Amino acid sequence: MSLTANDVKKIAYLARLGIEESQVEHYAKDLSNMLDLMTRMGQTDTAGIAPMAHPLDQTQRLRADTAVETNQRAHFQAIAPQTEAGLYLVPKVIE
């Protein structure tokens, strides 16, 4: 896909980017090259390739999922303006 100078100006306007007039053709060429690369990558046959969670296929170091703070729900709800059945009550803002 090849972008024109007008396409780049329209994209820059929509993205609220200030591009100097002398750089428009340069941006058009670079963006066209990126879009061409994405098109070629989309055409690649990946049917027999398993997806990876990490580009270097490393495993994540995970910490144990344990509670480290005490439950202070009653304390926090005691200072709340309105609560009911363990829930915070807030004013209705959408009708």
N, C-alpha and C. Protein backbone atom coordinates (compact mmCIF):
# COMPACT_ATOMS: atom_id res chain seq x y z
N MET A 1 0.85 -1.18 0.00
CA MET A 1 0.00 0.00 0.00
C MET A 1 0.89 1.23 0.00
N SER A 2 0.59 2.13 -0.88
CA SER A 2 1.41 3.33 -0.99
C SER A 2 0.60 4.54 -0.54
N LEU A 3 1.15 5.29 0.39
CA LEU A 3 0.48 6.50 0.88
C LEU A 3 0.95 7.71 0.10
N THR A 4 0.04 8.63 -0.12
CA THR A 4 0.38 9.87 -0.79
C THR A 4 0.65 10.95 0.26
N ALA A 5 1.14 12.09 -0.21
CA ALA A 5 1.38 13.21 0.69
C ALA A 5 0.08 13.68 1.32
N ASN A 6 -1.02 13.65 0.55
CA ASN A 6 -2.32 14.05 1.10
C ASN A 6 -2.78 13.08 2.20
N ASP A 7 -2.50 11.78 2.03
CA ASP A 7 -2.85 10.79 3.06
C ASP A 7 -2.10 11.09 4.35
N VAL A 8 -0.83 11.41 4.23
CA VAL A 8 -0.01 11.70 5.42
C VAL A 8 -0.52 12.97 6.10
N LYS A 9 -0.87 13.97 5.33
CA LYS A 9 -1.40 15.21 5.92
C LYS A 9 -2.71 14.95 6.64
N LYS A 10 -3.57 14.10 6.06
CA LYS A 10 -4.85 13.77 6.69
C LYS A 10 -4.63 13.00 7.99
N ILE A 11 -3.71 12.03 7.96
CA ILE A 11 -3.39 11.25 9.16
C ILE A 11 -2.81 12.16 10.24
N ALA A 12 -1.91 13.06 9.84
CA ALA A 12 -1.31 13.98 10.80
C ALA A 12 -2.36 14.89 11.41
N TYR A 13 -3.31 15.33 10.61
CA TYR A 13 -4.38 16.20 11.12
C TYR A 13 -5.24 15.43 12.13
N LEU A 14 -5.63 14.21 11.78
CA LEU A 14 -6.47 13.41 12.67
C LEU A 14 -5.76 13.06 13.97
N ALA A 15 -4.44 12.85 13.90
CA ALA A 15 -3.66 12.51 15.08
C ALA A 15 -3.15 13.75 15.81
N ARG A 16 -3.49 14.91 15.28
CA ARG A 16 -3.05 16.19 15.87
C ARG A 16 -1.53 16.28 15.96
N LEU A 17 -0.87 15.88 14.87
CA LEU A 17 0.58 15.93 14.80
C LEU A 17 1.00 17.08 13.89
N GLY A 18 2.02 17.78 14.30
CA GLY A 18 2.56 18.84 13.46
C GLY A 18 3.72 18.30 12.64
N ILE A 19 3.54 18.24 11.33
CA ILE A 19 4.59 17.74 10.44
C ILE A 19 4.98 18.87 9.50
N GLU A 20 6.27 19.11 9.42
CA GLU A 20 6.75 20.14 8.50
C GLU A 20 6.51 19.70 7.06
N GLU A 21 6.20 20.66 6.22
CA GLU A 21 5.91 20.36 4.81
C GLU A 21 7.07 19.65 4.12
N SER A 22 8.28 19.98 4.52
CA SER A 22 9.45 19.36 3.88
C SER A 22 9.61 17.89 4.27
N GLN A 23 8.95 17.45 5.34
CA GLN A 23 9.08 16.08 5.81
C GLN A 23 7.94 15.17 5.36
N VAL A 24 6.92 15.73 4.71
CA VAL A 24 5.73 14.93 4.35
C VAL A 24 6.09 13.76 3.45
N GLU A 25 6.88 13.98 2.42
CA GLU A 25 7.25 12.90 1.51
C GLU A 25 8.06 11.82 2.23
N HIS A 26 8.92 12.23 3.13
CA HIS A 26 9.72 11.27 3.91
C HIS A 26 8.79 10.38 4.76
N TYR A 27 7.81 11.02 5.42
CA TYR A 27 6.86 10.26 6.23
C TYR A 27 6.02 9.33 5.35
N ALA A 28 5.61 9.81 4.19
CA ALA A 28 4.81 8.98 3.28
C ALA A 28 5.59 7.73 2.88
N LYS A 29 6.86 7.89 2.57
CA LYS A 29 7.69 6.74 2.18
C LYS A 29 7.85 5.76 3.35
N ASP A 30 8.17 6.29 4.54
CA ASP A 30 8.37 5.42 5.71
C ASP A 30 7.09 4.69 6.10
N LEU A 31 5.96 5.41 6.12
CA LEU A 31 4.70 4.77 6.48
C LEU A 31 4.29 3.73 5.44
N SER A 32 4.53 4.01 4.18
CA SER A 32 4.22 3.03 3.12
C SER A 32 5.05 1.77 3.30
N ASN A 33 6.32 1.94 3.63
CA ASN A 33 7.19 0.77 3.86
C ASN A 33 6.69 -0.05 5.05
N MET A 34 6.26 0.62 6.12
CA MET A 34 5.74 -0.11 7.29
C MET A 34 4.47 -0.86 6.94
N LEU A 35 3.57 -0.23 6.20
CA LEU A 35 2.33 -0.90 5.81
C LEU A 35 2.61 -2.09 4.89
N ASP A 36 3.58 -1.93 3.99
CA ASP A 36 3.96 -3.06 3.12
C ASP A 36 4.52 -4.22 3.94
N LEU A 37 5.32 -3.91 4.95
CA LEU A 37 5.86 -4.96 5.81
C LEU A 37 4.74 -5.69 6.54
N MET A 38 3.77 -4.93 7.07
CA MET A 38 2.64 -5.56 7.78
C MET A 38 1.83 -6.44 6.82
N THR A 39 1.67 -6.02 5.59
CA THR A 39 0.96 -6.82 4.60
C THR A 39 1.69 -8.13 4.32
N ARG A 40 3.01 -8.04 4.14
CA ARG A 40 3.80 -9.26 3.90
C ARG A 40 3.78 -10.18 5.11
N MET A 41 3.82 -9.61 6.32
CA MET A 41 3.78 -10.44 7.53
C MET A 41 2.42 -11.13 7.66
N GLY A 42 1.36 -10.45 7.25
CA GLY A 42 0.03 -11.04 7.30
C GLY A 42 -0.16 -12.17 6.32
N GLN A 43 0.62 -12.20 5.26
CA GLN A 43 0.52 -13.24 4.25
C GLN A 43 1.37 -14.47 4.58
N THR A 44 2.17 -14.40 5.63
CA THR A 44 3.04 -15.51 6.02
C THR A 44 2.21 -16.67 6.56
N ASP A 45 2.53 -17.89 6.15
CA ASP A 45 1.84 -19.08 6.61
C ASP A 45 2.36 -19.46 8.00
N THR A 46 1.51 -19.35 8.99
CA THR A 46 1.88 -19.67 10.38
C THR A 46 1.04 -20.83 10.92
N ALA A 47 0.52 -21.67 10.03
CA ALA A 47 -0.40 -22.74 10.44
C ALA A 47 0.24 -23.73 11.42
N GLY A 48 1.50 -24.08 11.22
CA GLY A 48 2.11 -25.10 12.07
C GLY A 48 2.97 -24.54 13.20
N ILE A 49 2.84 -23.26 13.48
CA ILE A 49 3.70 -22.62 14.49
C ILE A 49 2.88 -22.33 15.75
N ALA A 50 3.37 -22.81 16.88
CA ALA A 50 2.67 -22.57 18.15
C ALA A 50 2.95 -21.15 18.63
N PRO A 51 1.93 -20.47 19.16
CA PRO A 51 2.15 -19.11 19.66
C PRO A 51 3.04 -19.12 20.90
N MET A 52 3.80 -18.04 21.06
CA MET A 52 4.69 -17.91 22.21
C MET A 52 4.17 -16.79 23.11
N ALA A 53 4.35 -16.95 24.41
CA ALA A 53 3.95 -15.91 25.35
C ALA A 53 5.02 -14.86 25.49
N HIS A 54 6.23 -15.17 25.10
CA HIS A 54 7.36 -14.26 25.22
C HIS A 54 8.23 -14.46 23.99
N PRO A 55 8.74 -13.37 23.40
CA PRO A 55 9.53 -13.54 22.18
C PRO A 55 10.79 -14.38 22.36
N LEU A 56 11.32 -14.45 23.56
CA LEU A 56 12.50 -15.27 23.81
C LEU A 56 12.12 -16.60 24.44
N ASP A 57 10.81 -16.88 24.49
CA ASP A 57 10.26 -18.12 25.04
C ASP A 57 10.75 -18.39 26.46
N GLN A 58 10.78 -17.34 27.26
CA GLN A 58 11.19 -17.47 28.66
C GLN A 58 9.96 -17.72 29.52
N THR A 59 10.17 -18.29 30.68
CA THR A 59 9.08 -18.48 31.61
C THR A 59 9.03 -17.31 32.57
N GLN A 60 7.83 -16.99 33.03
CA GLN A 60 7.67 -15.88 33.97
C GLN A 60 7.97 -16.35 35.38
N ARG A 61 8.66 -15.48 36.11
CA ARG A 61 8.86 -15.75 37.53
C ARG A 61 7.68 -15.15 38.28
N LEU A 62 6.86 -16.01 38.85
CA LEU A 62 5.67 -15.56 39.54
C LEU A 62 5.84 -15.72 41.03
N ARG A 63 5.29 -14.78 41.76
CA ARG A 63 5.30 -14.89 43.22
C ARG A 63 4.02 -15.60 43.65
N ALA A 64 4.05 -16.13 44.83
CA ALA A 64 2.87 -16.80 45.37
C ALA A 64 1.76 -15.77 45.60
N ASP A 65 0.53 -16.15 45.30
CA ASP A 65 -0.61 -15.25 45.46
C ASP A 65 -1.15 -15.38 46.88
N THR A 66 -0.54 -14.63 47.79
CA THR A 66 -0.95 -14.67 49.19
C THR A 66 -1.28 -13.27 49.67
N ALA A 67 -2.23 -13.17 50.57
CA ALA A 67 -2.61 -11.88 51.15
C ALA A 67 -1.52 -11.44 52.12
N VAL A 68 -1.08 -10.21 52.00
CA VAL A 68 -0.02 -9.71 52.87
C VAL A 68 -0.52 -8.62 53.81
N GLU A 69 -1.75 -8.15 53.61
CA GLU A 69 -2.33 -7.14 54.49
C GLU A 69 -3.55 -7.72 55.17
N THR A 70 -3.85 -7.18 56.33
CA THR A 70 -5.04 -7.63 57.04
C THR A 70 -6.28 -6.97 56.44
N ASN A 71 -7.42 -7.61 56.60
CA ASN A 71 -8.67 -7.09 56.08
C ASN A 71 -9.13 -5.91 56.93
N GLN A 72 -9.22 -4.73 56.32
CA GLN A 72 -9.63 -3.52 57.03
C GLN A 72 -10.98 -3.00 56.52
N ARG A 73 -11.77 -3.89 55.96
CA ARG A 73 -13.05 -3.49 55.38
C ARG A 73 -13.95 -2.80 56.39
N ALA A 74 -14.08 -3.34 57.58
CA ALA A 74 -14.95 -2.73 58.59
C ALA A 74 -14.47 -1.33 58.95
N HIS A 75 -13.17 -1.14 59.04
CA HIS A 75 -12.61 0.18 59.36
C HIS A 75 -12.92 1.18 58.26
N PHE A 76 -12.75 0.78 57.00
CA PHE A 76 -13.00 1.68 55.88
C PHE A 76 -14.49 1.99 55.75
N GLN A 77 -15.34 1.01 55.99
CA GLN A 77 -16.77 1.25 55.86
C GLN A 77 -17.31 2.07 57.03
N ALA A 78 -16.62 2.04 58.15
CA ALA A 78 -17.06 2.84 59.30
C ALA A 78 -16.96 4.33 59.02
N ILE A 79 -16.03 4.73 58.16
CA ILE A 79 -15.87 6.16 57.87
C ILE A 79 -16.54 6.55 56.55
N ALA A 80 -17.18 5.60 55.86
CA ALA A 80 -17.87 5.89 54.61
C ALA A 80 -19.21 6.56 54.91
N PRO A 81 -19.68 7.47 54.06
CA PRO A 81 -20.95 8.15 54.30
C PRO A 81 -22.14 7.20 54.38
N GLN A 82 -22.22 6.23 53.44
CA GLN A 82 -23.35 5.29 53.45
C GLN A 82 -22.88 3.90 53.02
N THR A 83 -23.29 2.89 53.79
CA THR A 83 -23.02 1.51 53.42
C THR A 83 -24.25 0.68 53.73
N GLU A 84 -24.35 -0.45 53.06
CA GLU A 84 -25.46 -1.36 53.33
C GLU A 84 -25.03 -2.76 52.92
N ALA A 85 -25.16 -3.71 53.82
CA ALA A 85 -24.83 -5.12 53.57
C ALA A 85 -23.40 -5.27 53.05
N GLY A 86 -22.47 -4.48 53.56
CA GLY A 86 -21.08 -4.57 53.18
C GLY A 86 -20.73 -3.86 51.88
N LEU A 87 -21.67 -3.11 51.32
CA LEU A 87 -21.45 -2.39 50.08
C LEU A 87 -21.47 -0.89 50.32
N TYR A 88 -20.74 -0.15 49.50
CA TYR A 88 -20.76 1.30 49.56
C TYR A 88 -21.94 1.81 48.73
N LEU A 89 -22.72 2.73 49.27
CA LEU A 89 -23.83 3.31 48.56
C LEU A 89 -23.39 4.66 48.01
N VAL A 90 -23.67 4.88 46.72
CA VAL A 90 -23.28 6.12 46.07
C VAL A 90 -24.52 6.73 45.40
N PRO A 91 -24.52 8.04 45.19
CA PRO A 91 -25.68 8.65 44.53
C PRO A 91 -25.79 8.20 43.08
N LYS A 92 -27.02 8.12 42.61
CA LYS A 92 -27.28 7.75 41.22
C LYS A 92 -26.92 8.95 40.34
N VAL A 93 -26.10 8.72 39.32
CA VAL A 93 -25.67 9.81 38.45
C VAL A 93 -26.18 9.65 37.02
N ILE A 94 -26.73 8.50 36.67
CA ILE A 94 -27.28 8.26 35.34
C ILE A 94 -28.75 7.92 35.48
N GLU A 95 -29.57 8.56 34.69
CA GLU A 95 -31.01 8.28 34.77
C GLU A 95 -31.44 7.40 33.64
